[in-house]
Amino acid sequence: MGLPDGKPEVSLHPAGAAPADRLPESLGRQENALRVIVDGESWAVGVNPGKFSQWSRSLHGDYVQTPSYWALFLASLLLSGRDKVDALVTGLPVSQWLDVAKREALALNLTGRHQITPKREAEVAAVRVVPQPIGGYLDLLWSGHGGSVLEEGRVLVIDPGFFSVDWVLIEEGDIRRASSGTSLEAMSVLLDQASRLIADEHGGSVPVERIEEALRIGKGHVLLFGRTVEIQPYLNQAAERVAPVALESLRRSLRQESGSVDAVLLTGGGAALYEPVAKSLFPDCKLHVPDRPELANARGFYRYGAD
């Protein structure tokens, strides 16, 4: 977020959103849980999903229609600190973005005046819905680190997110729709696999949410039975099993293209784990991984909205 003539202000928060009464009492008193109103009910947002009791996060294709998504949207307006947002940019998995009716419905739903808390409202003047990986492409384009190949060549952007792995093929700034798509072999599957591998060797399971939180804050271990377990080896093993499945779908979508790929961009929170497989699939291409890839889409969305 930011002003059109400035630099984006980006921050990383946990993706948990649920009714506030699902929080443990001790966490409910902490100030870092944002509060918004969804259908007249108080919701806590920006919390590690594993902290909520009797609540499961939504991982399905209709996620943008859920109260959790709406709570996260309201929290983003709250964090902006503004009463009016001139342009809001958000992304959809590529397979959903290709459905024009779906992205138009989302834009319509997010546009207008919204009640965030009992004492706070905000108006969104315009909404632009883009394919999720486009943010990383625009971020690299604006950084100037990608060179002329980003503007003139064929760039494959791969975005391993929690729910889906998305990719778009961009040629001279245009999206090649037939060679863009989505796989559900994403970080949620990879983290679940890592949790299973830990259980196989240590005799007890570590919740996916705890591994996810360790990754978010840059901690290299989790606790199990009171002992520290280094998670990177298990993440690497899980990536060796999961990433090739997702990227095989990508390869199939590229078969109808007559030209070669000039560069590959890896963005999103799972960029580092999918990098070895991407290198093996595209050994002759320049591989770009932006600084703080988990924030690249947000930075790119800002650039898109500011233009």
Protein backbone atom coordinates (compact mmCIF):
# COMPACT_ATOMS: atom_id res chain seq x y z
CA MET A 1 0.00 0.00 0.00
CA GLY A 2 1.08 3.59 -0.47
CA LEU A 3 0.64 6.76 -2.47
CA PRO A 4 1.03 6.74 -6.28
CA ASP A 5 4.21 8.82 -6.24
CA GLY A 6 5.88 7.04 -3.34
CA LYS A 7 7.25 3.63 -2.44
CA PRO A 8 5.10 0.71 -1.32
CA GLU A 9 4.80 -0.09 2.37
CA VAL A 10 4.79 -3.87 2.69
CA SER A 11 4.48 -6.11 5.71
CA LEU A 12 4.00 -9.81 6.32
CA HIS A 13 1.28 -11.11 8.62
CA PRO A 14 -0.09 -14.55 9.52
CA ALA A 15 -3.05 -15.50 7.33
CA GLY A 16 -5.30 -16.72 10.14
CA ALA A 17 -8.82 -15.25 10.33
CA ALA A 18 -11.66 -16.64 12.45
CA PRO A 19 -14.34 -15.52 14.92
CA ALA A 20 -12.69 -13.89 17.92
CA ASP A 21 -14.26 -16.35 20.34
CA ARG A 22 -12.13 -19.11 18.77
CA LEU A 23 -8.98 -17.52 20.19
CA PRO A 24 -7.42 -18.87 23.40
CA GLU A 25 -8.10 -16.47 26.24
CA SER A 26 -4.45 -15.49 26.63
CA LEU A 27 -4.09 -14.68 22.93
CA GLY A 28 -7.33 -12.76 22.91
CA ARG A 29 -5.74 -10.11 25.12
CA GLN A 30 -2.81 -9.57 22.79
CA GLU A 31 -2.80 -6.41 20.70
CA ASN A 32 -1.42 -8.03 17.54
CA ALA A 33 -4.75 -9.69 16.72
CA LEU A 34 -6.62 -7.24 14.51
CA ARG A 35 -10.37 -7.06 15.05
CA VAL A 36 -12.95 -6.57 12.30
CA ILE A 37 -16.69 -7.09 12.01
CA VAL A 38 -18.03 -9.78 9.67
CA ASP A 39 -21.82 -10.12 9.50
CA GLY A 40 -22.11 -8.42 12.88
CA GLU A 41 -19.61 -10.76 14.56
CA SER A 42 -16.15 -9.87 15.86
CA TRP A 43 -13.34 -11.62 13.98
CA ALA A 44 -9.65 -11.87 14.84
CA VAL A 45 -7.26 -11.49 11.91
CA GLY A 46 -3.50 -11.74 11.44
CA VAL A 47 -3.06 -14.69 13.79
CA ASN A 48 -1.22 -17.97 13.23
CA PRO A 49 -4.07 -20.26 12.01
CA GLY A 50 -2.97 -22.96 14.44
CA LYS A 51 -3.90 -20.76 17.39
CA PHE A 52 -7.64 -20.98 16.73
CA SER A 53 -9.62 -23.71 18.44
CA GLN A 54 -12.38 -25.63 16.65
CA TRP A 55 -11.69 -23.83 13.40
CA SER A 56 -10.26 -25.05 10.08
CA ARG A 57 -8.86 -22.70 7.46
CA SER A 58 -10.53 -22.71 4.07
CA LEU A 59 -8.55 -24.40 1.28
CA HIS A 60 -10.88 -24.65 -1.69
CA GLY A 61 -11.75 -22.92 -4.93
CA ASP A 62 -14.50 -20.77 -3.41
CA TYR A 63 -12.18 -19.22 -0.83
CA VAL A 64 -12.88 -15.64 -1.98
CA GLN A 65 -16.53 -16.14 -1.01
CA THR A 66 -15.78 -17.17 2.57
CA PRO A 67 -16.04 -15.03 5.72
CA SER A 68 -12.32 -15.64 6.31
CA TYR A 69 -11.41 -13.97 3.02
CA TRP A 70 -13.72 -11.08 3.82
CA ALA A 71 -12.15 -10.66 7.25
CA LEU A 72 -8.67 -10.53 5.71
CA PHE A 73 -9.89 -7.97 3.17
CA LEU A 74 -11.32 -5.75 5.92
CA ALA A 75 -8.11 -6.10 7.91
CA SER A 76 -6.11 -4.90 4.89
CA LEU A 77 -8.30 -1.79 4.75
CA LEU A 78 -7.75 -1.29 8.47
CA LEU A 79 -3.97 -1.57 8.07
CA SER A 80 -4.01 0.95 5.24
CA GLY A 81 -5.08 3.62 7.73
CA ARG A 82 -7.14 5.37 5.05
CA ASP A 83 -10.82 6.22 4.80
CA LYS A 84 -10.72 5.98 1.00
CA VAL A 85 -8.68 3.69 -1.23
CA ASP A 86 -8.50 4.90 -4.83
CA ALA A 87 -7.29 1.62 -6.31
CA LEU A 88 -7.17 -1.83 -4.75
CA VAL A 89 -5.30 -4.61 -6.57
CA THR A 90 -5.73 -8.25 -5.64
CA GLY A 91 -4.80 -11.55 -7.22
CA LEU A 92 -6.57 -14.80 -7.99
CA PRO A 93 -5.15 -18.22 -8.83
CA VAL A 94 -4.62 -18.27 -12.58
CA SER A 95 -7.29 -20.92 -13.21
CA GLN A 96 -9.85 -18.69 -11.45
CA TRP A 97 -8.65 -15.47 -13.06
CA LEU A 98 -9.23 -17.03 -16.48
CA ASP A 99 -12.93 -17.18 -15.54
CA VAL A 100 -14.01 -13.64 -16.45
CA ALA A 101 -17.28 -13.87 -14.52
CA LYS A 102 -15.46 -14.93 -11.37
CA ARG A 103 -12.96 -12.08 -11.39
CA GLU A 104 -15.63 -9.50 -12.28
CA ALA A 105 -17.79 -10.72 -9.40
CA LEU A 106 -14.88 -10.38 -6.98
CA ALA A 107 -14.10 -6.85 -8.18
CA LEU A 108 -17.73 -5.84 -7.76
CA ASN A 109 -17.89 -7.34 -4.28
CA LEU A 110 -14.80 -5.48 -3.07
CA THR A 111 -15.80 -2.11 -4.54
CA GLY A 112 -17.76 0.37 -2.44
CA ARG A 113 -18.09 1.38 1.20
CA HIS A 114 -17.32 -1.21 3.86
CA GLN A 115 -17.88 -1.37 7.60
CA ILE A 116 -14.60 -2.51 9.12
CA THR A 117 -15.31 -2.06 12.84
CA PRO A 118 -18.24 -0.48 14.68
CA LYS A 119 -16.44 2.89 14.49
CA ARG A 120 -14.50 2.55 11.25
CA GLU A 121 -15.51 2.55 7.59
CA ALA A 122 -13.54 2.76 4.36
CA GLU A 123 -14.45 3.22 0.72
CA VAL A 124 -12.79 1.38 -2.17
CA ALA A 125 -13.20 3.38 -5.37
CA ALA A 126 -11.87 0.85 -7.89
CA VAL A 127 -10.69 -2.77 -7.85
CA ARG A 128 -8.39 -4.54 -10.29
CA VAL A 129 -8.17 -8.33 -10.20
CA VAL A 130 -5.04 -9.85 -11.75
CA PRO A 131 -3.52 -13.34 -11.98
CA GLN A 132 -1.55 -13.86 -8.78
CA PRO A 133 1.96 -14.27 -10.28
CA ILE A 134 1.78 -10.98 -12.20
CA GLY A 135 2.78 -9.09 -9.07
CA GLY A 136 6.19 -10.74 -8.97
CA TYR A 137 6.75 -9.97 -12.67
CA LEU A 138 5.91 -6.27 -12.24
CA ASP A 139 8.07 -6.08 -9.12
CA LEU A 140 11.11 -7.42 -10.99
CA LEU A 141 10.34 -5.20 -13.98
CA TRP A 142 10.32 -2.08 -11.80
CA SER A 143 13.45 -3.13 -9.93
CA GLY A 144 15.45 -2.97 -13.16
CA HIS A 145 17.28 -6.22 -12.30
CA GLY A 146 15.69 -8.34 -15.00
CA GLY A 147 17.13 -6.55 -18.02
CA SER A 148 15.51 -6.15 -21.41
CA VAL A 149 14.49 -9.81 -21.57
CA LEU A 150 11.53 -9.05 -19.28
CA GLU A 151 10.09 -6.59 -21.77
CA GLU A 152 11.11 -8.28 -25.02
CA GLY A 153 11.30 -12.00 -24.26
CA ARG A 154 9.13 -14.82 -23.03
CA VAL A 155 9.10 -14.93 -19.25
CA LEU A 156 7.65 -17.79 -17.24
CA VAL A 157 6.53 -16.65 -13.78
CA ILE A 158 6.03 -19.38 -11.17
CA ASP A 159 4.34 -18.54 -7.87
CA PRO A 160 4.20 -21.33 -5.25
CA GLY A 161 1.54 -20.15 -2.78
CA PHE A 162 -0.09 -21.89 0.16
CA PHE A 163 -3.23 -23.00 -1.69
CA SER A 164 -1.97 -23.23 -5.27
CA VAL A 165 1.09 -23.11 -7.49
CA ASP A 166 0.36 -20.66 -10.29
CA TRP A 167 2.25 -19.79 -13.43
CA VAL A 168 1.87 -17.36 -16.29
CA LEU A 169 3.79 -17.12 -19.53
CA ILE A 170 4.36 -13.49 -20.54
CA GLU A 171 5.54 -12.55 -24.01
CA GLU A 172 6.47 -8.90 -24.63
CA GLY A 173 4.23 -7.89 -21.75
CA ASP A 174 1.21 -9.97 -22.86
CA ILE A 175 -0.15 -12.99 -20.98
CA ARG A 176 -0.26 -16.23 -22.98
CA ARG A 177 -3.47 -17.61 -21.50
CA ALA A 178 -3.27 -21.08 -22.98
CA SER A 179 0.14 -21.60 -21.36
CA SER A 180 -0.81 -20.28 -17.93
CA GLY A 181 -2.42 -22.31 -15.19
CA THR A 182 -2.71 -23.63 -11.65
CA SER A 183 -1.71 -26.73 -9.70
CA LEU A 184 -2.93 -27.58 -6.21
CA GLU A 185 0.37 -29.28 -5.33
CA ALA A 186 1.24 -26.17 -3.36
CA MET A 187 2.84 -25.20 -0.06
CA SER A 188 -0.03 -26.63 1.95
CA VAL A 189 0.69 -30.06 0.44
CA LEU A 190 4.45 -29.62 0.82
CA LEU A 191 4.19 -28.64 4.49
CA ASP A 192 1.86 -31.55 5.16
CA GLN A 193 4.43 -33.86 3.59
CA ALA A 194 7.19 -32.35 5.74
CA SER A 195 5.05 -32.92 8.84
CA ARG A 196 4.62 -36.59 7.87
CA LEU A 197 8.36 -37.01 7.33
CA ILE A 198 9.07 -35.56 10.78
CA ALA A 199 6.51 -37.94 12.30
CA ASP A 200 8.12 -40.93 10.58
CA GLU A 201 11.51 -40.18 12.12
CA HIS A 202 10.59 -38.67 15.50
CA GLY A 203 7.40 -40.52 16.40
CA GLY A 204 5.19 -37.45 16.77
CA SER A 205 3.60 -34.98 14.39
CA VAL A 206 4.21 -31.26 14.13
CA PRO A 207 1.15 -29.29 12.95
CA VAL A 208 1.48 -27.73 9.52
CA GLU A 209 0.66 -24.34 11.03
CA ARG A 210 3.66 -24.54 13.33
CA ILE A 211 6.02 -25.27 10.43
CA GLU A 212 4.40 -22.47 8.43
CA GLU A 213 4.89 -20.03 11.30
CA ALA A 214 8.55 -21.02 11.65
CA LEU A 215 9.08 -20.28 7.96
CA ARG A 216 7.29 -16.94 8.21
CA ILE A 217 9.45 -15.65 11.04
CA GLY A 218 12.67 -17.21 9.76
CA LYS A 219 13.07 -19.79 12.53
CA GLY A 220 14.88 -22.95 11.46
CA HIS A 221 13.39 -25.37 13.97
CA VAL A 222 10.25 -26.49 15.77
CA LEU A 223 9.78 -28.18 19.13
CA LEU A 224 8.67 -31.80 19.39
CA PHE A 225 8.57 -33.63 22.72
CA GLY A 226 10.55 -30.75 24.17
CA ARG A 227 13.41 -31.09 21.70
CA THR A 228 14.31 -28.94 18.72
CA VAL A 229 13.86 -30.42 15.26
CA GLU A 230 15.56 -28.68 12.34
CA ILE A 231 12.92 -28.35 9.65
CA GLN A 232 14.97 -27.53 6.53
CA PRO A 233 15.99 -31.14 5.73
CA TYR A 234 12.36 -32.23 5.89
CA LEU A 235 11.21 -29.29 3.78
CA ASN A 236 13.82 -30.16 1.16
CA GLN A 237 12.73 -33.81 1.10
CA ALA A 238 9.08 -32.77 0.82
CA ALA A 239 9.90 -30.38 -2.02
CA GLU A 240 11.65 -33.19 -3.92
CA ARG A 241 8.37 -35.12 -3.85
CA VAL A 242 5.77 -32.38 -4.27
CA ALA A 243 7.35 -29.74 -6.51
CA PRO A 244 7.91 -32.01 -9.55
CA VAL A 245 4.20 -32.91 -9.59
CA ALA A 246 3.15 -29.26 -9.75
CA LEU A 247 5.75 -28.31 -12.33
CA GLU A 248 4.91 -31.30 -14.52
CA SER A 249 1.48 -29.72 -15.00
CA LEU A 250 3.31 -26.55 -15.96
CA ARG A 251 5.40 -28.40 -18.56
CA ARG A 252 2.27 -29.88 -20.12
CA SER A 253 0.75 -26.42 -20.50
CA LEU A 254 3.85 -25.24 -22.37
CA ARG A 255 3.88 -28.05 -24.93
CA GLN A 256 1.72 -26.16 -27.40
CA GLU A 257 4.13 -23.22 -27.43
CA SER A 258 6.44 -23.18 -30.44
CA GLY A 259 9.00 -20.81 -28.93
CA SER A 260 11.33 -21.32 -26.00
CA VAL A 261 11.25 -19.63 -22.61
CA ASP A 262 13.85 -16.86 -22.23
CA ALA A 263 13.72 -16.41 -18.45
CA VAL A 264 12.06 -17.93 -15.39
CA LEU A 265 10.93 -15.93 -12.38
CA LEU A 266 10.17 -17.64 -9.07
CA THR A 267 8.12 -15.58 -6.65
CA GLY A 268 5.98 -16.18 -3.57
CA GLY A 269 6.64 -17.74 -0.19
CA GLY A 270 7.65 -21.12 -1.59
CA ALA A 271 10.18 -19.80 -4.11
CA ALA A 272 13.27 -21.20 -2.39
CA LEU A 273 11.82 -24.70 -2.04
CA TYR A 274 10.72 -24.92 -5.68
CA GLU A 275 13.96 -23.41 -7.03
CA PRO A 276 15.97 -26.67 -7.46
CA VAL A 277 13.19 -28.30 -9.51
CA ALA A 278 12.71 -25.16 -11.61
CA LYS A 279 16.45 -25.12 -12.37
CA SER A 280 16.37 -28.75 -13.46
CA LEU A 281 13.39 -28.17 -15.77
CA PHE A 282 14.79 -25.01 -17.35
CA PRO A 283 18.57 -25.42 -17.18
CA ASP A 284 19.28 -23.04 -20.06
CA CYS A 285 17.15 -20.15 -18.75
CA LYS A 286 18.15 -17.31 -16.50
CA LEU A 287 16.39 -17.91 -13.18
CA HIS A 288 15.31 -14.86 -11.18
CA VAL A 289 14.34 -14.96 -7.49
CA PRO A 290 13.51 -11.49 -6.14
CA ASP A 291 14.53 -10.09 -2.78
CA ARG A 292 11.98 -11.21 -0.17
CA PRO A 293 9.98 -13.21 -2.74
CA GLU A 294 7.10 -13.62 -0.29
CA LEU A 295 6.47 -9.85 -0.62
CA ALA A 296 7.12 -9.54 -4.35
CA ASN A 297 3.48 -9.89 -5.40
CA ALA A 298 2.40 -7.17 -2.98
CA ARG A 299 5.09 -4.80 -4.28
CA GLY A 300 4.07 -5.54 -7.86
CA PHE A 301 0.38 -5.05 -7.13
CA TYR A 302 1.23 -1.62 -5.77
CA ARG A 303 3.05 -0.73 -9.00
CA TYR A 304 0.09 -1.93 -11.03
CA GLY A 305 -2.36 0.14 -9.03
CA ALA A 306 -0.15 3.25 -9.05
CA ASP A 307 0.10 3.37 -12.86
